[in-house]
Protein backbone atom coordinates (compact mmCIF):
# COMPACT_ATOMS: atom_id res chain seq x y z
CA MET A 1 0.00 0.00 0.00
CA THR A 2 1.39 3.40 -0.98
CA PRO A 3 1.42 6.06 1.77
CA PRO A 4 -0.58 9.23 1.07
CA GLN A 5 1.31 12.04 -0.62
CA PHE A 6 1.13 15.57 0.75
CA PRO A 7 1.81 18.81 -1.14
CA ALA A 8 5.08 20.61 -0.43
CA ASP A 9 3.17 23.85 0.14
CA PRO A 10 -0.16 23.02 1.81
CA GLN A 11 -3.20 24.95 0.66
CA PRO A 12 -6.13 25.97 2.88
CA THR A 13 -8.77 23.26 3.08
CA SER A 14 -11.64 25.52 4.04
CA PRO A 15 -12.62 29.12 3.26
CA ALA A 16 -13.25 29.59 6.98
CA THR A 17 -9.52 29.13 7.61
CA ALA A 18 -8.20 31.15 4.68
CA THR A 19 -4.81 32.47 5.69
CA GLU A 20 -3.41 35.94 5.85
CA PRO A 21 -0.25 36.60 3.78
CA GLY A 22 2.71 34.87 5.42
CA ALA A 23 0.55 32.79 7.79
CA PRO A 24 0.74 28.99 7.64
CA ALA A 25 -1.94 27.24 5.61
CA PRO A 26 -3.59 24.22 7.27
CA THR A 27 -3.14 20.82 5.66
CA LEU A 28 -6.08 19.46 7.66
CA THR A 29 -9.15 21.21 9.06
CA ILE A 30 -11.08 19.61 11.92
CA ASP A 31 -14.64 20.90 12.27
CA ALA A 32 -15.58 20.72 15.96
CA MET A 33 -18.26 23.42 15.75
CA GLY A 34 -21.14 22.71 18.11
CA ARG A 35 -19.06 20.24 20.12
CA LYS A 36 -18.43 20.89 23.82
CA CYS A 37 -15.28 20.31 25.81
CA PRO A 38 -13.39 17.96 25.62
CA ILE A 39 -14.53 16.80 22.16
CA PRO A 40 -12.47 19.35 20.13
CA ILE A 41 -9.29 18.18 21.91
CA ILE A 42 -10.19 14.51 21.46
CA MET A 43 -10.76 15.12 17.74
CA LEU A 44 -7.39 16.91 17.46
CA ALA A 45 -5.57 14.14 19.34
CA GLU A 46 -7.11 11.45 17.12
CA ARG A 47 -6.37 13.18 13.82
CA ILE A 48 -3.09 15.09 14.18
CA ARG A 49 -1.15 12.02 12.98
CA GLU A 50 -2.91 12.33 9.60
CA VAL A 51 -0.56 15.17 8.62
CA PRO A 52 3.23 15.03 8.25
CA VAL A 53 5.50 16.53 10.90
CA GLY A 54 5.79 20.29 10.30
CA HIS A 55 2.34 20.64 8.73
CA VAL A 56 -0.53 22.61 10.26
CA VAL A 57 -3.91 21.46 11.56
CA ALA A 58 -6.78 23.93 12.01
CA VAL A 59 -9.37 23.12 14.67
CA LEU A 60 -12.66 24.99 14.21
CA ALA A 61 -14.57 25.33 17.47
CA ASP A 62 -17.19 27.54 19.07
CA ASP A 63 -16.92 26.30 22.67
CA PRO A 64 -15.15 29.04 24.70
CA ALA A 65 -13.27 26.36 26.65
CA ALA A 66 -11.32 25.55 23.48
CA GLN A 67 -9.51 28.90 23.81
CA THR A 68 -7.60 27.52 26.79
CA ASP A 69 -7.87 23.79 26.03
CA VAL A 70 -6.09 23.82 22.65
CA PRO A 71 -2.99 25.76 23.78
CA ALA A 72 -2.81 23.69 26.99
CA TRP A 73 -3.06 20.42 25.05
CA CYS A 74 -0.28 21.59 22.72
CA MET A 75 1.98 22.34 25.68
CA LEU A 76 1.23 18.97 27.31
CA LYS A 77 1.78 17.04 24.08
CA SER A 78 4.78 19.05 22.79
CA GLN A 79 2.93 20.24 19.70
CA GLU A 80 3.36 23.81 18.43
CA TYR A 81 0.40 26.09 19.08
CA LEU A 82 0.57 28.80 16.41
CA GLN A 83 -2.43 31.11 16.79
CA THR A 84 -6.12 31.61 17.23
CA ARG A 85 -8.12 33.25 14.45
CA GLU A 86 -11.50 34.77 15.16
CA LEU A 87 -14.29 33.46 12.92
CA ALA A 88 -17.86 34.74 12.54
CA SER A 89 -19.17 32.09 14.93
CA GLY A 90 -16.13 30.75 16.80
CA TRP A 91 -12.40 30.32 16.33
CA ALA A 92 -9.82 28.54 14.22
CA PHE A 93 -6.93 27.21 16.30
CA LEU A 94 -3.76 26.48 14.33
CA VAL A 95 -1.44 23.75 15.54
CA ARG A 96 1.80 22.62 13.86
CA ARG A 97 2.63 18.93 14.28
CA SER A 98 6.02 18.68 16.00
CA TYR A 99 6.60 14.92 15.99
């Protein structure tokens, strides 16, 4: 079985996470809108291995707890928390896979 191939320069996977110039583009977008804590973190933990090391995952969430949960999870799991982007009805949390 051939492993999946990933683009050298990832492109945004969702208009909701369109990037500003110079900002990293997510390779994978996880839609956790409408899900309460701890589901967004569980979804991130389950799926981060789908992208190569160095690539970015965007987690879309509208639960206010995610604003502290995502950065805390990144610190605990040695993943790189990049930024939070405000969306019309929530946030996009960008995480770079470190290992």
